[in-house]
């Protein structure tokens, strides 16, 4: 690919766009300088990129027939065998379809990327394979991951493993549905506003959003780099902790990682909750127009079970939790739309590993923008309006406001070891019909999102654990801990898991 220098007309048009006064004489002078730079620039397309090698042999994926994919939770199947031994030997894994697996198609839930096959494995994929896991396929996700429901993927809705036609949550919809159905042992999910935890709550799985920067995000399509997280979705607590042991730690490529505190997460998991102080965060319950009374009651009852197990359980309060969207929305809107589309997945100014083939595929999005889900198109319009009207000022203000939210959570977690809320304020609802009003379509996409985004903004670890059923559908309780204190979350989650069958609570 040759990099072509500009013409005089290009120089004049760009100058005018930038408010620079220019005539033909100045333009020719600028053009002479600019053209001289292109001798170096034209060496770049053939320069080696330093992508990590693909360590484990594999063949391309295949689309499973409907009979083998009843929940529509698989995008493609594959079979990649990892190392001959390791912590995860013999375990099968589904990988969310915004995570790169070399030689296997990636779609990110959108028709715009259909046919793209990456040439590199994400760091987390390599780590799973190094630990002996077997990659069984790519799990369906929502269109550009911009939905908390499971009805926006270009490949059709993902069904709840407990009831066909109902939401599996999003955006890691396929990952949680496959684990919830017992189709795989483990799954990778990604979480920018609750996308590991929300589907885990609705599908009856255990989903951990780790501390920000604990697990490398290298080789994963994301939104804003300050809220991107990747983590495990499993059928039980011990597997979740074991999987995090494999995933955690620096990879030398992800600039978001700053000497993360890595622990042996399975160690001490059976220590129980005696002596722990657990706060029931009152602002996470009873929100008018948001909360379902049955869900609130079930989660409160579950939280009080910790008292019977030896913990001190009291009400906690973080008034800022009610307004956490004040800082979340501008960061999400600007980061998701600017980075995903207008920057083609490349955030400049950081030393990190970019996968340029993905950027090249994203570059042509305008020609097929009408094929995106309504959620993506509406968010794009709002994000670009705010950018055009207010520039970067709202993003900057929101980023500054975020520090207040971090301080408020840290203050509460100085008093309590863990905080508890409902993961989602509602149980799974039916998918909207194809001809449903847009209000219902958007409602189903975002009705699950009230409590989860705060931990993306603050970076605190948060885990959804199943804590009961309502009308045959699972609900989840979210445990939020101190930065890098995943071990305490796992202690409490394991004690709760061992205290009884959540399906009968």
Protein backbone atom coordinates (compact mmCIF):
# COMPACT_ATOMS: atom_id res chain seq x y z
CA UNK A 1 0.00 0.00 0.00
CA UNK A 2 1.59 3.24 -1.16
CA UNK A 3 1.05 6.39 0.89
CA UNK A 4 0.33 9.12 -1.63
CA UNK A 5 1.37 12.75 -1.01
CA UNK A 6 -1.28 15.49 -1.15
CA UNK A 7 -1.92 17.72 -4.14
CA UNK A 8 -1.85 21.51 -3.96
CA UNK A 9 -5.65 21.43 -3.84
CA UNK A 10 -5.53 19.01 -0.86
CA UNK A 11 -3.16 21.36 0.96
CA UNK A 12 -5.41 24.37 0.34
CA UNK A 13 -8.59 22.55 1.39
CA UNK A 14 -7.06 21.25 4.61
CA UNK A 15 -5.61 24.67 5.40
CA UNK A 16 -9.04 26.26 5.01
CA UNK A 17 -10.57 23.55 7.21
CA UNK A 18 -8.01 24.39 9.91
CA UNK A 19 -8.52 28.16 9.65
CA UNK A 20 -5.13 28.73 8.01
CA UNK A 21 -4.90 31.49 5.39
CA UNK A 22 -3.03 30.27 2.33
CA UNK A 23 -2.46 31.18 -1.31
CA UNK A 24 -0.87 29.24 -4.16
CA UNK A 25 2.63 30.48 -3.38
CA UNK A 26 2.46 29.46 0.28
CA UNK A 27 0.72 26.25 -0.71
CA UNK A 28 3.53 25.28 -3.08
CA UNK A 29 6.10 25.96 -0.35
CA UNK A 30 4.24 23.84 2.16
CA UNK A 31 3.74 21.12 -0.43
CA UNK A 32 7.46 20.96 -1.17
CA UNK A 33 8.21 20.35 2.51
CA UNK A 34 5.36 17.86 2.90
CA UNK A 35 6.40 15.88 -0.18
CA UNK A 36 9.89 15.46 1.25
CA UNK A 37 8.47 13.65 4.28
CA UNK A 38 6.85 11.00 2.12
CA UNK A 39 10.14 9.26 1.39
CA UNK A 40 10.13 8.07 4.99
CA UNK A 41 6.37 7.50 5.24
CA UNK A 42 6.37 5.15 2.26
CA UNK A 43 8.68 2.78 4.10
CA UNK A 44 6.05 2.21 6.79
CA UNK A 45 3.61 -0.15 5.03
CA UNK A 46 6.34 -2.78 4.56
CA UNK A 47 7.86 -2.36 8.05
CA UNK A 48 7.41 -5.35 10.42
CA UNK A 49 4.77 -4.77 13.10
CA UNK A 50 6.10 -7.01 15.87
CA UNK A 51 2.86 -8.89 16.44
CA UNK A 52 3.26 -11.85 18.79
CA UNK A 53 3.52 -15.28 17.14
CA UNK A 54 0.56 -17.64 17.05
CA UNK A 55 1.70 -20.49 19.30
CA UNK A 56 -0.93 -23.19 18.85
CA UNK A 57 -2.02 -24.76 15.53
CA UNK A 58 -5.61 -24.42 14.44
CA UNK A 59 -7.93 -24.51 11.47
CA UNK A 60 -10.54 -21.88 10.62
CA UNK A 61 -13.88 -21.92 12.39
CA UNK A 62 -17.19 -23.26 11.10
CA UNK A 63 -20.76 -22.09 11.57
CA UNK A 64 -22.65 -24.69 13.62
CA UNK A 65 -26.04 -25.85 12.32
CA UNK A 66 -29.09 -24.62 14.21
CA UNK A 67 -29.61 -28.05 15.81
CA UNK A 68 -26.19 -27.69 17.46
CA UNK A 69 -26.76 -24.04 18.37
CA UNK A 70 -30.29 -23.86 19.83
CA UNK A 71 -29.65 -20.67 21.84
CA UNK A 72 -27.94 -18.95 18.89
CA UNK A 73 -25.10 -18.37 21.36
CA UNK A 74 -22.26 -19.53 19.10
CA UNK A 75 -20.99 -17.32 16.29
CA UNK A 76 -18.51 -19.89 15.01
CA UNK A 77 -17.14 -23.13 16.40
CA UNK A 78 -13.48 -24.08 16.37
CA UNK A 79 -11.20 -26.52 18.17
CA UNK A 80 -7.86 -25.16 19.36
CA UNK A 81 -6.01 -27.39 21.78
CA UNK A 82 -3.74 -25.70 24.28
CA UNK A 83 -0.64 -26.87 26.12
CA UNK A 84 -0.42 -30.53 27.18
CA UNK A 85 -0.63 -29.55 30.83
CA UNK A 86 -1.64 -26.59 32.96
CA UNK A 87 -4.24 -25.27 35.42
CA UNK A 88 -7.02 -25.41 32.83
CA UNK A 89 -6.14 -28.68 31.12
CA UNK A 90 -9.27 -30.33 29.82
CA UNK A 91 -11.47 -27.24 30.23
CA UNK A 92 -13.42 -25.95 27.23
CA UNK A 93 -13.69 -22.20 26.68
CA UNK A 94 -15.95 -19.93 24.64
CA UNK A 95 -14.39 -16.61 23.63
CA UNK A 96 -16.54 -13.50 23.26
CA UNK A 97 -16.55 -12.41 19.65
CA UNK A 98 -14.84 -9.05 20.16
CA UNK A 99 -11.68 -10.91 21.26
CA UNK A 100 -9.17 -11.83 18.56
CA UNK A 101 -8.44 -15.51 17.89
CA UNK A 102 -6.00 -15.95 15.00
CA UNK A 103 -7.43 -17.71 11.96
CA UNK A 104 -10.99 -17.69 13.35
CA UNK A 105 -13.58 -15.17 12.08
CA UNK A 106 -14.44 -12.17 14.26
CA UNK A 107 -17.66 -10.24 13.77
CA UNK A 108 -18.17 -8.27 17.03
CA UNK A 109 -21.90 -8.75 16.54
CA UNK A 110 -21.98 -6.44 13.51
CA UNK A 111 -22.49 -7.04 9.80
CA UNK A 112 -19.77 -4.45 9.18
CA UNK A 113 -17.04 -6.88 10.25
CA UNK A 114 -18.45 -10.05 8.73
CA UNK A 115 -15.67 -11.96 6.98
CA UNK A 116 -12.82 -10.45 8.99
CA UNK A 117 -10.26 -13.02 10.15
CA UNK A 118 -7.57 -11.72 12.54
CA UNK A 119 -3.99 -12.92 12.33
CA UNK A 120 -3.10 -12.75 16.02
CA UNK A 121 -4.38 -14.07 19.36
CA UNK A 122 -5.36 -11.70 22.13
CA UNK A 123 -3.12 -12.00 25.19
CA UNK A 124 -5.94 -13.59 27.20
CA UNK A 125 -6.44 -16.26 24.52
CA UNK A 126 -2.74 -17.16 24.57
CA UNK A 127 -2.78 -17.35 28.36
CA UNK A 128 -5.75 -19.72 28.37
CA UNK A 129 -4.07 -21.96 25.80
CA UNK A 130 -0.78 -21.84 27.72
CA UNK A 131 -2.74 -23.12 30.74
CA UNK A 132 -4.01 -26.13 28.77
CA UNK A 133 -7.51 -24.89 27.93
CA UNK A 134 -9.28 -25.83 24.72
CA UNK A 135 -10.92 -23.03 22.72
CA UNK A 136 -14.26 -24.38 21.50
CA UNK A 137 -15.45 -21.34 19.56
CA UNK A 138 -16.46 -17.70 19.44
CA UNK A 139 -19.53 -16.69 21.43
CA UNK A 140 -22.10 -14.33 19.97
CA UNK A 141 -22.11 -10.76 21.28
CA UNK A 142 -24.20 -7.66 20.70
CA UNK A 143 -23.71 -5.28 17.77
CA UNK A 144 -20.45 -3.48 18.63
CA UNK A 145 -21.19 -4.66 22.21
CA UNK A 146 -23.57 -1.71 22.69
CA UNK A 147 -26.48 -3.39 24.47
CA UNK A 148 -27.31 -4.86 27.84
CA UNK A 149 -29.92 -7.06 26.18
CA UNK A 150 -29.34 -9.94 23.77
CA UNK A 151 -31.40 -8.93 20.74
CA UNK A 152 -29.13 -6.58 18.76
CA UNK A 153 -26.57 -8.92 17.14
CA UNK A 154 -26.55 -8.99 13.35
CA UNK A 155 -26.80 -12.79 13.66
CA UNK A 156 -30.07 -12.63 15.58
CA UNK A 157 -31.03 -12.79 19.25
CA UNK A 158 -29.29 -15.00 21.82
CA UNK A 159 -31.74 -16.93 23.99
CA UNK A 160 -31.64 -17.32 27.74
CA UNK A 161 -30.60 -20.89 28.68
CA UNK A 162 -33.48 -21.00 31.17
CA UNK A 163 -36.20 -19.86 28.74
CA UNK A 164 -36.25 -19.56 24.97
CA UNK A 165 -37.34 -16.18 23.66
CA UNK A 166 -36.01 -14.33 26.71
CA UNK A 167 -32.97 -12.10 27.10
CA UNK A 168 -29.61 -13.61 28.00
CA UNK A 169 -28.30 -10.14 28.85
CA UNK A 170 -25.49 -8.38 27.05
CA UNK A 171 -23.20 -7.66 25.64
CA UNK A 172 -21.38 -10.94 26.47
CA UNK A 173 -24.67 -12.66 25.72
CA UNK A 174 -23.35 -15.83 24.07
CA UNK A 175 -20.60 -16.31 26.65
CA UNK A 176 -22.99 -16.39 29.60
CA UNK A 177 -25.65 -18.39 27.76
CA UNK A 178 -23.17 -21.12 26.79
CA UNK A 179 -21.83 -21.45 30.34
CA UNK A 180 -25.35 -21.30 31.76
CA UNK A 181 -26.44 -24.07 29.41
CA UNK A 182 -23.43 -26.26 30.26
CA UNK A 183 -22.15 -26.14 26.66
CA UNK A 184 -18.68 -25.07 27.83
CA UNK A 185 -16.85 -25.01 31.14
CA UNK A 186 -15.60 -21.42 30.96
CA UNK A 187 -16.02 -18.28 28.89
CA UNK A 188 -14.31 -14.96 28.32
CA UNK A 189 -16.44 -11.84 28.55
CA UNK A 190 -15.70 -8.15 28.22
CA UNK A 191 -17.23 -5.43 30.35
CA UNK A 192 -17.48 -1.71 29.63
CA UNK A 193 -20.72 -1.05 31.52
CA UNK A 194 -21.67 -4.42 32.98
CA UNK A 195 -21.31 -6.71 29.97
CA UNK A 196 -19.83 -9.59 31.97
CA UNK A 197 -22.05 -9.14 35.00
CA UNK A 198 -25.44 -8.44 33.41
CA UNK A 199 -25.60 -11.60 31.27
CA UNK A 200 -24.21 -13.59 34.19
CA UNK A 201 -27.08 -12.34 36.35
CA UNK A 202 -29.73 -13.28 33.78
CA UNK A 203 -28.18 -16.64 32.84
CA UNK A 204 -27.27 -17.90 36.33
CA UNK A 205 -23.48 -17.77 35.97
CA UNK A 206 -20.59 -16.28 37.92
CA UNK A 207 -19.12 -13.24 36.17
CA UNK A 208 -16.13 -11.24 37.41
CA UNK A 209 -15.17 -7.79 36.17
CA UNK A 210 -11.65 -7.54 37.61
CA UNK A 211 -9.94 -4.42 38.89
CA UNK A 212 -9.13 -2.06 36.03
CA UNK A 213 -5.80 -3.03 34.46
CA UNK A 214 -5.48 -6.39 36.22
CA UNK A 215 -6.07 -8.37 33.01
CA UNK A 216 -4.51 -7.16 29.73
CA UNK A 217 -6.91 -5.94 27.05
CA UNK A 218 -4.41 -6.41 24.21
CA UNK A 219 -6.02 -7.83 21.08
CA UNK A 220 -9.61 -6.98 22.01
CA UNK A 221 -11.99 -4.54 20.32
CA UNK A 222 -13.14 -2.03 22.91
CA UNK A 223 -14.74 1.32 23.61
CA UNK A 224 -13.06 3.91 25.80
CA UNK A 225 -9.78 2.57 27.16
CA UNK A 226 -10.57 3.84 30.68
CA UNK A 227 -13.61 1.56 31.08
CA UNK A 228 -12.57 -1.57 29.10
CA UNK A 229 -12.30 -4.77 31.17
CA UNK A 230 -12.02 -8.47 30.29
CA UNK A 231 -12.70 -11.34 32.69
CA UNK A 232 -14.08 -14.82 33.41
CA UNK A 233 -17.62 -16.20 33.22
CA UNK A 234 -17.99 -19.62 34.84
CA UNK A 235 -20.46 -22.07 36.33
CA UNK A 236 -18.95 -21.92 39.82
CA UNK A 237 -16.76 -19.71 41.99
CA UNK A 238 -13.66 -21.88 42.15
CA UNK A 239 -13.39 -22.08 38.36
CA UNK A 240 -13.76 -18.31 38.19
CA UNK A 241 -10.90 -17.74 40.61
CA UNK A 242 -8.75 -20.31 38.83
CA UNK A 243 -9.41 -18.69 35.47
CA UNK A 244 -8.48 -15.26 36.84
CA UNK A 245 -5.18 -16.69 38.09
CA UNK A 246 -4.41 -17.59 34.48
CA UNK A 247 -5.56 -14.28 33.00
CA UNK A 248 -4.13 -11.73 35.44
CA UNK A 249 -0.82 -9.89 35.14
CA UNK A 250 1.06 -7.52 32.85
CA UNK A 251 1.74 -8.45 29.24
CA UNK A 252 4.07 -5.55 28.40
CA UNK A 253 1.75 -4.26 25.68
CA UNK A 254 -1.30 -2.84 27.46
CA UNK A 255 -0.51 0.70 28.66
CA UNK A 256 -3.44 0.53 31.10
CA UNK A 257 -1.55 -1.92 33.27
CA UNK A 258 0.56 -0.30 35.97
CA UNK A 259 2.15 -2.95 38.15
CA UNK A 260 -1.15 -4.72 38.93
CA UNK A 261 -1.32 -6.61 42.23
CA UNK A 262 -1.74 -10.21 41.16
CA UNK A 263 -2.87 -12.78 43.75
CA UNK A 264 -3.37 -16.53 44.00
CA UNK A 265 -7.15 -16.21 43.79
CA UNK A 266 -7.94 -19.82 44.68
CA UNK A 267 -5.89 -19.56 47.87
CA UNK A 268 -8.06 -18.77 50.89
CA UNK A 269 -11.28 -19.16 48.92
CA UNK A 270 -12.65 -21.44 51.67
CA UNK A 271 -11.83 -19.03 54.53
CA UNK A 272 -15.46 -17.97 54.88
CA UNK A 273 -16.92 -14.56 55.68
CA UNK A 274 -16.59 -14.51 59.45
CA UNK A 275 -15.39 -11.06 60.47
CA UNK A 276 -16.18 -9.42 57.13
CA UNK A 277 -18.30 -6.28 57.05
CA UNK A 278 -20.75 -6.26 54.15
CA UNK A 279 -22.76 -3.20 53.21
CA UNK A 280 -26.11 -3.36 51.42
CA UNK A 281 -25.87 -0.29 49.20
CA UNK A 282 -29.24 1.37 49.58
CA UNK A 283 -28.89 3.50 46.45
CA UNK A 284 -28.79 0.32 44.36
CA UNK A 285 -32.33 -0.63 45.40
CA UNK A 286 -35.78 0.84 44.98
CA UNK A 287 -34.97 3.24 42.16
CA UNK A 288 -38.26 4.64 40.78
CA UNK A 289 -38.97 3.50 37.25
CA UNK A 290 -35.93 1.20 37.30
CA UNK A 291 -36.06 -1.39 40.08
CA UNK A 292 -38.25 -4.49 40.21
CA UNK A 293 -39.53 -5.00 43.77
CA UNK A 294 -39.22 -8.78 43.53
CA UNK A 295 -35.60 -8.56 42.45
CA UNK A 296 -34.80 -6.10 45.23
CA UNK A 297 -36.40 -8.33 47.85
CA UNK A 298 -34.62 -11.44 46.63
CA UNK A 299 -31.20 -9.74 46.66
CA UNK A 300 -31.76 -8.25 50.13
CA UNK A 301 -32.69 -11.68 51.42
CA UNK A 302 -29.58 -13.16 49.82
CA UNK A 303 -27.34 -10.46 51.30
CA UNK A 304 -28.68 -11.19 54.78
CA UNK A 305 -27.59 -14.79 54.35
CA UNK A 306 -24.03 -13.52 54.87
CA UNK A 307 -24.97 -12.61 58.45
CA UNK A 308 -25.89 -16.25 59.11
CA UNK A 309 -22.47 -17.19 57.75
CA UNK A 310 -20.66 -14.94 60.25
CA UNK A 311 -20.36 -11.57 58.52
CA UNK A 312 -21.65 -8.25 59.80
CA UNK A 313 -24.30 -7.01 57.37
CA UNK A 314 -25.49 -3.40 57.54
CA UNK A 315 -26.93 -0.80 55.24
CA UNK A 316 -24.41 1.32 53.36
CA UNK A 317 -24.88 4.56 51.47
CA UNK A 318 -23.07 6.19 48.56
CA UNK A 319 -25.29 9.07 47.40
CA UNK A 320 -23.02 9.54 44.37
CA UNK A 321 -24.09 6.11 43.10
CA UNK A 322 -27.43 7.59 42.04
CA UNK A 323 -25.66 10.05 39.75
CA UNK A 324 -22.81 7.90 38.49
CA UNK A 325 -24.18 8.11 34.95
CA UNK A 326 -23.30 11.83 35.01
CA UNK A 327 -19.68 10.88 34.42
CA UNK A 328 -20.26 7.53 32.70
CA UNK A 329 -22.36 8.66 29.73
CA UNK A 330 -19.97 11.29 28.28
CA UNK A 331 -17.01 8.90 28.63
CA UNK A 332 -18.94 6.04 27.09
CA UNK A 333 -20.42 8.13 24.27
CA UNK A 334 -17.22 9.89 23.28
CA UNK A 335 -14.95 6.91 23.83
CA UNK A 336 -17.16 4.35 22.15
CA UNK A 337 -18.05 6.39 19.09
CA UNK A 338 -14.81 8.29 18.61
CA UNK A 339 -12.58 5.29 19.20
CA UNK A 340 -14.65 2.59 17.49
CA UNK A 341 -15.54 4.53 14.40
CA UNK A 342 -13.83 7.87 13.87
CA UNK A 343 -10.47 6.59 15.15
CA UNK A 344 -11.05 3.10 13.70
CA UNK A 345 -10.16 1.44 17.00
CA UNK A 346 -6.82 3.24 17.41
CA UNK A 347 -6.34 5.57 20.37
CA UNK A 348 -3.24 7.64 19.75
CA UNK A 349 -0.77 8.86 22.34
CA UNK A 350 -0.21 5.50 24.00
CA UNK A 351 2.48 2.85 23.71
CA UNK A 352 0.44 -0.26 23.00
CA UNK A 353 0.06 -3.07 20.49
CA UNK A 354 -2.41 -2.27 17.70
CA UNK A 355 -3.90 -4.80 15.30
CA UNK A 356 -3.94 -2.77 12.11
CA UNK A 357 -5.95 -5.32 10.13
CA UNK A 358 -8.92 -4.65 12.41
CA UNK A 359 -8.53 -0.91 11.87
CA UNK A 360 -8.52 -1.40 8.11
CA UNK A 361 -11.80 -3.32 8.31
CA UNK A 362 -13.38 -0.62 10.46
CA UNK A 363 -12.31 2.13 8.06
CA UNK A 364 -15.19 1.54 5.65
CA UNK A 365 -17.99 1.70 8.20
CA UNK A 366 -19.78 4.69 6.64
CA UNK A 367 -20.67 2.74 3.51
CA UNK A 368 -22.64 0.21 5.59
CA UNK A 369 -23.75 2.30 8.56
CA UNK A 370 -27.44 1.54 7.94
CA UNK A 371 -26.74 -2.12 8.71
CA UNK A 372 -25.81 -1.36 12.32
CA UNK A 373 -28.25 -1.99 15.18
CA UNK A 374 -30.52 0.85 16.29
CA UNK A 375 -28.61 0.99 19.58
CA UNK A 376 -25.34 1.72 17.77
CA UNK A 377 -26.87 4.28 15.40
CA UNK A 378 -28.64 6.20 18.17
CA UNK A 379 -25.52 6.25 20.34
CA UNK A 380 -23.45 7.41 17.37
CA UNK A 381 -25.82 10.29 16.62
CA UNK A 382 -25.83 11.44 20.25
CA UNK A 383 -22.08 11.03 20.62
CA UNK A 384 -21.29 13.00 17.47
CA UNK A 385 -23.79 15.73 18.35
CA UNK A 386 -22.12 16.27 21.72
CA UNK A 387 -18.67 16.19 20.14
CA UNK A 388 -19.67 18.70 17.46
CA UNK A 389 -21.44 21.01 19.91
CA UNK A 390 -19.08 20.84 22.89
CA UNK A 391 -15.81 19.39 21.61
CA UNK A 392 -13.89 17.48 24.30
CA UNK A 393 -15.15 19.59 27.19
CA UNK A 394 -17.87 17.21 28.36
CA UNK A 395 -15.46 14.28 28.29
CA UNK A 396 -12.95 16.26 30.34
CA UNK A 397 -15.60 17.34 32.85
CA UNK A 398 -16.88 13.77 33.19
CA UNK A 399 -13.38 12.40 33.65
CA UNK A 400 -12.76 14.92 36.43
CA UNK A 401 -16.11 14.12 38.03
CA UNK A 402 -15.18 10.45 38.04
CA UNK A 403 -12.59 11.09 40.77
CA UNK A 404 -15.43 12.07 43.12
CA UNK A 405 -17.13 8.74 42.44
CA UNK A 406 -13.88 6.87 43.09
CA UNK A 407 -13.41 8.73 46.39
CA UNK A 408 -17.00 7.98 47.43
CA UNK A 409 -16.60 4.26 46.74
CA UNK A 410 -13.22 4.17 48.46
CA UNK A 411 -14.71 5.87 51.52
CA UNK A 412 -17.53 3.32 51.73
CA UNK A 413 -15.07 0.47 51.22
CA UNK A 414 -12.91 1.79 54.04
CA UNK A 415 -15.85 0.98 56.29
CA UNK A 416 -17.03 -2.17 54.54
CA UNK A 417 -15.11 -5.05 52.99
CA UNK A 418 -17.76 -5.53 50.31
CA UNK A 419 -20.79 -3.71 48.95
CA UNK A 420 -23.91 -5.48 47.64
CA UNK A 421 -26.51 -4.44 45.05
CA UNK A 422 -28.71 -6.25 42.56
CA UNK A 423 -26.58 -6.87 39.47
CA UNK A 424 -29.51 -6.02 37.23
CA UNK A 425 -32.60 -4.27 38.59
CA UNK A 426 -34.86 -6.60 36.58
CA UNK A 427 -35.03 -10.28 35.68
CA UNK A 428 -34.82 -11.44 32.08
CA UNK A 429 -37.61 -10.14 29.86
CA UNK A 430 -38.80 -11.40 26.48
CA UNK A 431 -36.94 -10.29 23.38
CA UNK A 432 -38.71 -7.48 21.56
CA UNK A 433 -40.55 -8.64 18.47
CA UNK A 434 -38.99 -7.72 15.10
CA UNK A 435 -41.71 -5.07 14.61
CA UNK A 436 -41.65 -3.81 18.20
CA UNK A 437 -41.69 -0.04 18.77
CA UNK A 438 -38.26 1.54 19.10
CA UNK A 439 -39.05 2.48 22.70
CA UNK A 440 -39.35 -1.23 23.56
CA UNK A 441 -36.23 -2.08 21.54
CA UNK A 442 -34.15 0.50 23.43
CA UNK A 443 -35.80 -0.35 26.74
CA UNK A 444 -34.80 -4.00 26.49
CA UNK A 445 -31.26 -2.97 25.56
CA UNK A 446 -30.66 -0.71 28.56
CA UNK A 447 -33.10 -1.73 31.33
CA UNK A 448 -30.42 -3.93 32.94
CA UNK A 449 -27.74 -1.25 33.26
CA UNK A 450 -28.46 0.87 36.33
CA UNK A 451 -26.01 -0.56 38.88
CA UNK A 452 -23.14 -1.99 36.87
CA UNK A 453 -21.42 0.96 35.07
CA UNK A 454 -20.22 2.61 38.30
CA UNK A 455 -17.52 -0.04 38.80
CA UNK A 456 -16.32 0.44 35.21
CA UNK A 457 -15.87 4.12 35.94
CA UNK A 458 -14.15 3.62 39.30
CA UNK A 459 -12.20 0.49 38.34
CA UNK A 460 -13.23 -1.46 41.45
CA UNK A 461 -13.62 -5.24 41.04
CA UNK A 462 -17.23 -6.41 40.89
CA UNK A 463 -18.72 -9.87 40.53
CA UNK A 464 -22.23 -11.12 39.82
CA UNK A 465 -23.23 -14.32 41.58
CA UNK A 466 -26.59 -16.10 41.14
CA UNK A 467 -28.76 -15.73 44.23
CA UNK A 468 -32.20 -17.03 43.36
CA UNK A 469 -34.93 -17.48 40.78
CA UNK A 470 -38.09 -15.54 40.00
CA UNK A 471 -40.62 -17.27 37.77
CA UNK A 472 -37.95 -19.76 36.72
CA UNK A 473 -35.43 -17.08 35.69
CA UNK A 474 -32.14 -16.37 37.51
CA UNK A 475 -31.24 -13.11 39.19
CA UNK A 476 -27.83 -11.94 40.35
CA UNK A 477 -26.30 -10.26 43.37
CA UNK A 478 -23.31 -8.01 42.70
CA UNK A 479 -20.37 -7.89 45.12
CA UNK A 480 -18.07 -4.86 44.82
CA UNK A 481 -14.68 -4.84 46.55
CA UNK A 482 -11.61 -2.70 47.07
CA UNK A 483 -9.11 -2.23 44.27
CA UNK A 484 -7.23 -5.52 43.68
CA UNK A 485 -9.18 -7.24 46.45
CA UNK A 486 -10.70 -9.95 44.29
CA UNK A 487 -9.74 -12.53 46.96
CA UNK A 488 -12.31 -11.13 49.42
CA UNK A 489 -14.99 -11.18 46.72
CA UNK A 490 -14.16 -14.81 45.99
CA UNK A 491 -14.25 -15.71 49.70
CA UNK A 492 -17.74 -14.27 50.06
CA UNK A 493 -18.97 -15.67 46.75
CA UNK A 494 -17.71 -19.15 47.61
CA UNK A 495 -19.26 -19.07 51.10
CA UNK A 496 -22.59 -18.03 49.61
CA UNK A 497 -22.36 -20.69 46.89
CA UNK A 498 -21.69 -23.40 49.47
CA UNK A 499 -24.53 -22.25 51.72
CA UNK A 500 -27.24 -23.69 49.46
CA UNK A 501 -28.51 -24.22 45.95
CA UNK A 502 -29.16 -20.75 44.55
CA UNK A 503 -31.91 -22.16 42.33
CA UNK A 504 -33.96 -22.90 45.46
CA UNK A 505 -33.32 -19.63 47.30
